[in-house]
Protein backbone atom coordinates (compact mmCIF):
# COMPACT_ATOMS: atom_id res chain seq x y z
CA UNK A 1 0.10 0.01 0.14
CA UNK A 2 1.31 3.44 -0.88
CA UNK A 3 0.70 6.61 0.98
CA UNK A 4 1.47 10.45 0.33
CA UNK A 5 3.50 11.83 3.10
CA UNK A 6 3.33 15.39 4.35
CA UNK A 7 4.79 16.74 7.52
CA UNK A 8 4.98 19.73 9.50
CA UNK A 9 6.68 21.18 12.51
CA UNK A 10 5.07 22.54 15.33
CA UNK A 11 6.05 24.61 18.40
CA UNK A 12 4.13 25.24 21.56
CA UNK A 13 4.92 27.48 24.46
CA UNK A 14 4.30 26.32 27.85
CA UNK A 15 2.33 29.07 29.90
CA UNK A 16 5.09 28.76 32.56
CA UNK A 17 8.33 26.99 32.06
CA UNK A 18 8.25 23.53 33.51
CA UNK A 19 10.83 22.99 35.77
CA UNK A 20 12.04 19.06 36.52
CA UNK A 21 15.23 17.52 37.61
CA UNK A 22 16.26 17.53 33.79
CA UNK A 23 16.18 21.29 33.73
CA UNK A 24 13.76 23.94 32.45
CA UNK A 25 11.40 23.36 29.49
CA UNK A 26 10.02 26.40 27.62
CA UNK A 27 8.93 25.10 24.42
CA UNK A 28 7.18 21.93 23.24
CA UNK A 29 8.37 21.06 19.67
CA UNK A 30 7.30 18.06 17.46
CA UNK A 31 6.24 17.04 13.93
CA UNK A 32 2.52 16.52 12.76
CA UNK A 33 2.53 13.87 10.07
CA UNK A 34 -0.25 13.23 7.29
CA UNK A 35 -0.56 10.16 5.29
CA UNK A 36 -2.96 9.94 2.57
CA UNK A 37 -4.09 6.82 0.79
CA UNK A 38 -4.71 6.27 -2.81
CA UNK A 39 -8.34 6.52 -2.13
CA UNK A 40 -8.26 9.51 -0.08
CA UNK A 41 -8.23 8.21 3.43
CA UNK A 42 -6.38 10.57 5.78
CA UNK A 43 -4.28 9.51 8.71
CA UNK A 44 -2.61 11.74 11.09
CA UNK A 45 0.22 11.11 13.47
CA UNK A 46 2.72 13.02 15.66
CA UNK A 47 6.47 12.71 16.44
CA UNK A 48 6.82 14.16 19.97
CA UNK A 49 10.54 13.37 20.93
CA UNK A 50 11.86 13.77 24.35
CA UNK A 51 15.60 13.49 23.91
CA UNK A 52 16.40 13.71 27.70
CA UNK A 53 14.33 10.62 28.28
CA UNK A 54 16.37 8.65 25.68
CA UNK A 55 14.31 9.23 22.37
CA UNK A 56 15.78 10.58 19.19
CA UNK A 57 16.16 14.47 19.09
CA UNK A 58 13.77 16.52 16.89
CA UNK A 59 16.69 16.94 14.43
CA UNK A 60 17.16 13.39 13.82
CA UNK A 61 13.21 13.01 13.51
CA UNK A 62 13.35 15.72 10.86
CA UNK A 63 16.17 14.43 9.09
CA UNK A 64 14.16 11.09 8.70
CA UNK A 65 11.27 13.01 7.33
CA UNK A 66 13.20 14.85 4.80
CA UNK A 67 14.98 11.57 3.69
CA UNK A 68 11.70 9.69 3.00
CA UNK A 69 10.04 10.19 -0.29
CA UNK A 70 7.04 11.89 -0.91
CA UNK A 71 5.34 8.66 -1.21
CA UNK A 72 5.93 5.83 1.15
CA UNK A 73 4.76 2.35 1.65
CA UNK A 74 3.67 0.16 4.56
CA UNK A 75 7.00 -1.41 4.48
CA UNK A 76 8.87 1.80 5.02
CA UNK A 77 6.57 2.45 8.29
CA UNK A 78 7.23 -0.67 9.68
CA UNK A 79 10.72 -0.60 9.14
CA UNK A 80 11.95 2.56 10.98
CA UNK A 81 14.94 1.77 13.25
CA UNK A 82 14.64 1.36 16.95
CA UNK A 83 16.76 4.39 17.68
CA UNK A 84 13.90 6.47 16.31
CA UNK A 85 11.25 5.44 18.74
CA UNK A 86 9.15 8.70 18.39
CA UNK A 87 9.23 8.39 14.68
CA UNK A 88 8.06 4.93 14.83
CA UNK A 89 5.16 5.65 16.98
CA UNK A 90 4.10 8.84 14.95
CA UNK A 91 4.20 6.80 11.40
CA UNK A 92 2.55 3.74 12.88
CA UNK A 93 -0.06 5.97 14.60
CA UNK A 94 -0.70 7.65 11.28
CA UNK A 95 -1.08 4.37 9.52
CA UNK A 96 -3.61 3.02 12.35
CA UNK A 97 -5.43 6.24 12.02
CA UNK A 98 -6.54 5.56 8.41
CA UNK A 99 -7.86 2.07 9.61
CA UNK A 100 -9.51 3.75 12.47
CA UNK A 101 -11.39 6.93 11.73
CA UNK A 102 -11.85 9.26 14.81
CA UNK A 103 -9.04 7.45 16.75
CA UNK A 104 -9.31 7.57 20.50
CA UNK A 105 -12.29 10.36 20.44
CA UNK A 106 -14.18 8.36 23.25
CA UNK A 107 -11.07 8.79 25.63
CA UNK A 108 -10.88 12.38 24.94
CA UNK A 109 -14.51 12.84 26.14
CA UNK A 110 -13.73 10.94 29.65
CA UNK A 111 -14.21 12.67 32.90
CA UNK A 112 -11.10 14.28 34.33
CA UNK A 113 -10.98 11.63 37.32
CA UNK A 114 -9.94 9.22 34.45
CA UNK A 115 -6.58 11.20 34.43
CA UNK A 116 -3.88 12.21 36.94
CA UNK A 117 -3.17 16.14 36.98
CA UNK A 118 0.35 17.31 36.91
CA UNK A 119 0.89 19.87 39.51
CA UNK A 120 3.43 22.67 38.86
CA UNK A 121 6.69 22.22 40.95
CA UNK A 122 7.40 23.99 44.29
CA UNK A 123 4.81 26.32 46.09
CA UNK A 124 2.82 26.90 43.05
CA UNK A 125 1.04 23.45 43.67
CA UNK A 126 -0.55 24.71 46.69
CA UNK A 127 -2.28 27.17 44.57
CA UNK A 128 -3.31 24.86 41.57
CA UNK A 129 -4.58 21.88 43.10
CA UNK A 130 -7.93 23.10 44.33
CA UNK A 131 -8.69 24.64 40.70
CA UNK A 132 -7.81 20.84 39.27
CA UNK A 133 -10.00 19.44 42.34
CA UNK A 134 -12.84 21.46 41.08
CA UNK A 135 -12.48 20.29 37.55
CA UNK A 136 -12.84 16.66 38.71
CA UNK A 137 -9.23 15.51 39.14
CA UNK A 138 -8.68 13.11 41.94
CA UNK A 139 -5.28 11.96 41.20
CA UNK A 140 -2.36 14.37 41.26
CA UNK A 141 1.46 14.22 40.35
CA UNK A 142 4.14 16.69 42.11
CA UNK A 143 7.61 16.93 40.84
CA UNK A 144 10.38 16.60 43.44
CA UNK A 145 13.95 16.41 43.35
CA UNK A 146 13.86 19.90 41.89
CA UNK A 147 14.73 22.01 44.95
CA UNK A 148 16.58 21.61 48.36
CA UNK A 149 14.99 18.43 49.84
CA UNK A 150 14.27 20.35 53.12
CA UNK A 151 12.33 22.99 51.14
CA UNK A 152 10.47 20.49 49.39
CA UNK A 153 9.34 18.47 52.36
CA UNK A 154 8.27 21.76 53.96
CA UNK A 155 5.95 22.30 50.96
CA UNK A 156 4.97 18.81 50.77
CA UNK A 157 3.82 18.47 54.53
CA UNK A 158 1.57 21.62 53.78
CA UNK A 159 0.25 20.09 50.40
CA UNK A 160 -0.57 16.99 52.21
CA UNK A 161 -2.47 18.84 55.04
CA UNK A 162 -4.66 20.71 52.58
CA UNK A 163 -5.36 17.65 50.20
CA UNK A 164 -8.49 15.97 50.43
CA UNK A 165 -8.25 12.18 51.50
CA UNK A 166 -10.00 11.19 48.50
CA UNK A 167 -7.04 12.17 46.65
CA UNK A 168 -4.24 10.00 45.21
CA UNK A 169 -0.75 11.54 45.06
CA UNK A 170 2.18 10.68 42.93
CA UNK A 171 5.57 11.90 43.56
CA UNK A 172 8.00 12.27 40.45
CA UNK A 173 11.73 12.92 41.09
CA UNK A 174 12.85 12.32 37.59
CA UNK A 175 15.75 10.73 38.85
CA UNK A 176 16.84 13.57 40.91
CA UNK A 177 17.16 12.04 44.43
CA UNK A 178 20.34 10.63 46.20
CA UNK A 179 19.91 7.17 47.96
CA UNK A 180 19.44 8.83 51.27
CA UNK A 181 17.15 11.57 49.96
CA UNK A 182 14.85 8.73 48.53
CA UNK A 183 15.02 6.83 51.84
CA UNK A 184 14.09 9.79 53.57
CA UNK A 185 10.88 10.59 50.94
CA UNK A 186 9.95 6.64 51.35
CA UNK A 187 9.91 6.72 55.29
CA UNK A 188 7.74 9.87 55.16
CA UNK A 189 5.39 8.42 52.69
CA UNK A 190 5.14 5.10 54.25
CA UNK A 191 3.26 6.64 56.97
CA UNK A 192 0.72 8.44 54.65
CA UNK A 193 -2.32 6.95 53.15
CA UNK A 194 -2.60 9.21 50.05
CA UNK A 195 0.60 8.37 48.45
CA UNK A 196 0.10 6.16 45.19
CA UNK A 197 3.85 5.90 44.34
CA UNK A 198 7.12 7.69 44.09
CA UNK A 199 8.42 7.77 40.44
CA UNK A 200 11.78 7.29 39.32
CA UNK A 201 13.55 8.35 42.66
CA UNK A 202 16.90 7.66 41.45
CA UNK A 203 19.00 7.87 38.14
CA UNK A 204 18.81 5.22 35.39
CA UNK A 205 22.21 3.65 36.38
CA UNK A 206 20.82 2.88 39.91
CA UNK A 207 18.57 0.24 39.04
CA UNK A 208 19.97 -2.20 41.73
CA UNK A 209 19.47 0.57 44.53
CA UNK A 210 15.85 0.98 43.26
CA UNK A 211 15.16 -2.61 43.54
CA UNK A 212 16.41 -2.50 47.07
CA UNK A 213 14.31 0.33 48.06
CA UNK A 214 11.37 -1.31 46.28
CA UNK A 215 11.80 -4.42 48.62
CA UNK A 216 12.20 -2.51 51.91
CA UNK A 217 9.57 0.24 51.73
CA UNK A 218 5.88 -0.33 51.56
CA UNK A 219 5.26 2.76 49.08
CA UNK A 220 5.40 1.35 45.76
CA UNK A 221 8.15 2.70 43.26
CA UNK A 222 7.60 3.32 39.64
CA UNK A 223 10.20 3.16 37.02
CA UNK A 224 9.96 5.99 34.26
CA UNK A 225 13.35 6.98 32.59
CA UNK A 226 14.45 3.56 33.23
CA UNK A 227 11.92 2.11 31.08
CA UNK A 228 11.39 4.64 28.29
CA UNK A 229 11.53 2.50 25.29
CA UNK A 230 10.91 -1.42 24.61
CA UNK A 231 14.89 -2.65 25.22
CA UNK A 232 15.03 -0.93 28.43
CA UNK A 233 11.42 -2.22 29.77
CA UNK A 234 12.69 -5.73 28.83
CA UNK A 235 15.89 -5.14 30.64
CA UNK A 236 14.32 -4.19 33.76
CA UNK A 237 11.50 -6.93 33.66
CA UNK A 238 14.26 -9.54 33.20
CA UNK A 239 16.36 -8.15 35.96
CA UNK A 240 13.19 -8.96 38.24
CA UNK A 241 11.34 -5.65 38.55
CA UNK A 242 7.82 -6.36 40.07
CA UNK A 243 7.06 -2.70 40.66
CA UNK A 244 5.35 -0.15 38.44
CA UNK A 245 6.33 0.61 34.92
CA UNK A 246 5.45 4.09 33.53
CA UNK A 247 4.76 3.60 29.91
CA UNK A 248 5.11 6.92 27.65
CA UNK A 249 3.63 5.56 24.35
CA UNK A 250 4.77 8.57 22.02
CA UNK A 251 8.12 7.94 22.98
CA UNK A 252 8.29 4.13 23.46
CA UNK A 253 8.60 2.93 20.01
CA UNK A 254 6.76 0.61 18.03
CA UNK A 255 2.78 0.54 18.90
CA UNK A 256 2.74 -3.30 17.78
CA UNK A 257 5.78 -4.19 19.90
CA UNK A 258 4.34 -2.52 22.95
CA UNK A 259 1.10 -4.32 22.37
CA UNK A 260 2.83 -7.63 22.19
CA UNK A 261 4.85 -7.04 25.32
CA UNK A 262 1.84 -6.17 27.51
CA UNK A 263 -0.29 -9.06 26.12
CA UNK A 264 2.50 -11.27 26.96
CA UNK A 265 3.72 -9.85 30.23
CA UNK A 266 1.06 -8.97 32.72
CA UNK A 267 2.91 -5.78 34.30
CA UNK A 268 1.77 -3.25 36.61
CA UNK A 269 2.03 0.05 34.46
CA UNK A 270 0.98 3.68 34.20
CA UNK A 271 0.27 5.10 30.76
CA UNK A 272 1.63 8.59 30.67
CA UNK A 273 1.81 12.05 28.48
CA UNK A 274 5.02 13.58 27.03
CA UNK A 275 3.16 16.91 26.46
CA UNK A 276 2.21 15.92 22.87
CA UNK A 277 -0.57 17.63 21.09
CA UNK A 278 -4.07 16.11 20.73
CA UNK A 279 -2.91 13.91 17.71
CA UNK A 280 -0.53 11.89 19.77
CA UNK A 281 -2.62 12.22 22.76
CA UNK A 282 -5.56 10.34 21.13
CA UNK A 283 -3.16 7.77 19.65
CA UNK A 284 -1.66 6.91 22.97
CA UNK A 285 -4.99 7.06 24.78
CA UNK A 286 -6.42 4.45 22.26
CA UNK A 287 -3.54 2.22 22.76
CA UNK A 288 -3.61 2.60 26.60
CA UNK A 289 -7.24 1.79 26.68
CA UNK A 290 -6.98 -1.08 24.33
CA UNK A 291 -3.95 -2.41 26.69
CA UNK A 292 -5.34 -1.54 30.14
CA UNK A 293 -7.15 -5.10 30.67
CA UNK A 294 -3.86 -6.87 30.15
CA UNK A 295 -2.25 -5.17 33.20
CA UNK A 296 -2.16 -6.08 36.73
CA UNK A 297 -4.02 -2.95 38.12
CA UNK A 298 -6.27 -0.32 36.80
CA UNK A 299 -4.32 2.86 37.30
CA UNK A 300 -5.42 6.49 36.45
CA UNK A 301 -3.73 7.56 33.05
CA UNK A 302 -1.09 10.50 33.39
CA UNK A 303 -2.62 12.70 30.68
CA UNK A 304 -3.68 15.42 32.76
CA UNK A 305 -1.33 17.98 31.35
CA UNK A 306 -3.35 20.11 29.04
CA UNK A 307 -3.68 22.85 31.62
CA UNK A 308 0.06 23.57 31.15
CA UNK A 309 -0.79 25.02 27.47
CA UNK A 310 -2.94 27.96 26.34
CA UNK A 311 -5.89 26.42 24.60
CA UNK A 312 -5.79 29.11 21.92
CA UNK A 313 -4.82 27.80 18.29
CA UNK A 314 -1.31 28.42 17.41
CA UNK A 315 -0.04 28.83 13.91
CA UNK A 316 3.04 26.90 13.05
CA UNK A 317 2.90 27.18 9.46
CA UNK A 318 1.04 24.10 8.93
CA UNK A 319 -0.57 23.11 5.71
CA UNK A 320 -4.44 24.02 5.68
CA UNK A 321 -4.91 20.24 5.25
CA UNK A 322 -3.86 19.54 9.10
CA UNK A 323 -6.31 19.79 11.65
CA UNK A 324 -5.94 22.09 14.61
CA UNK A 325 -3.84 20.22 16.94
CA UNK A 326 -3.53 22.56 19.82
CA UNK A 327 -6.53 21.35 22.14
């Protein structure tokens, strides 16, 4: 099967810079793909790289798009190399989009309590959580490992006092804690009922230490950067990880390979966003909803991030054929 390929770069400004252990993030950039079949069906996909998580860079993704002919085949789509995981997801999503009209639309209409809302780092979380609560969110994620631990613990204690007992709170360190700091956080969290898990407390190269912590403390630990793609996830699984896997579909790689892994390995997993536009969001949510029954637990999806962007349409020089993706 042959498809006409079109693509366009986009840029989205965060309302406020996003601060994590990886640094400060001001602009989300990516590529919107459009495949058109010989009979006129259109499929949209998105390449949303996150190079500091181990995916390809935006430049590498653009190079692939420029190197491909204006007409590509199904074989081309499924032969993109593994070192371009966001490209694999984007092209496979566009191909599947042709097969499935209005992909993921039902997921987009779900109530906010279907998603975990990301809180801004630092004291700003104290101001924002109530607004998100009123919108219907009941699971929140807060970034830690960004400021001094004592500062964060003081804010955390205040946040916990304010939060409703109905809330599940996830803490995400992005690998930014030391072993001693991770133990300090886990000891505190073990005495609280609202903590769902701590995400990636230590750097990727500290797998054995995270395994040790997961066996000692009752608060669950989730791996994120450590399982950013299929090969990393397989490695951690084979090394005995029984905790939570955070799966970011848009940078994970092949949709088909993710399906196969989840169908053959009943893991405990959370599907999560990479601040993609609604194109990759729909594709990721459709895949997550499909795979959820294969998982050990039914955990809230980590896609409550749209409040980090203005909802206004942005002009990035896209072709008029591309639908508005900034919703």
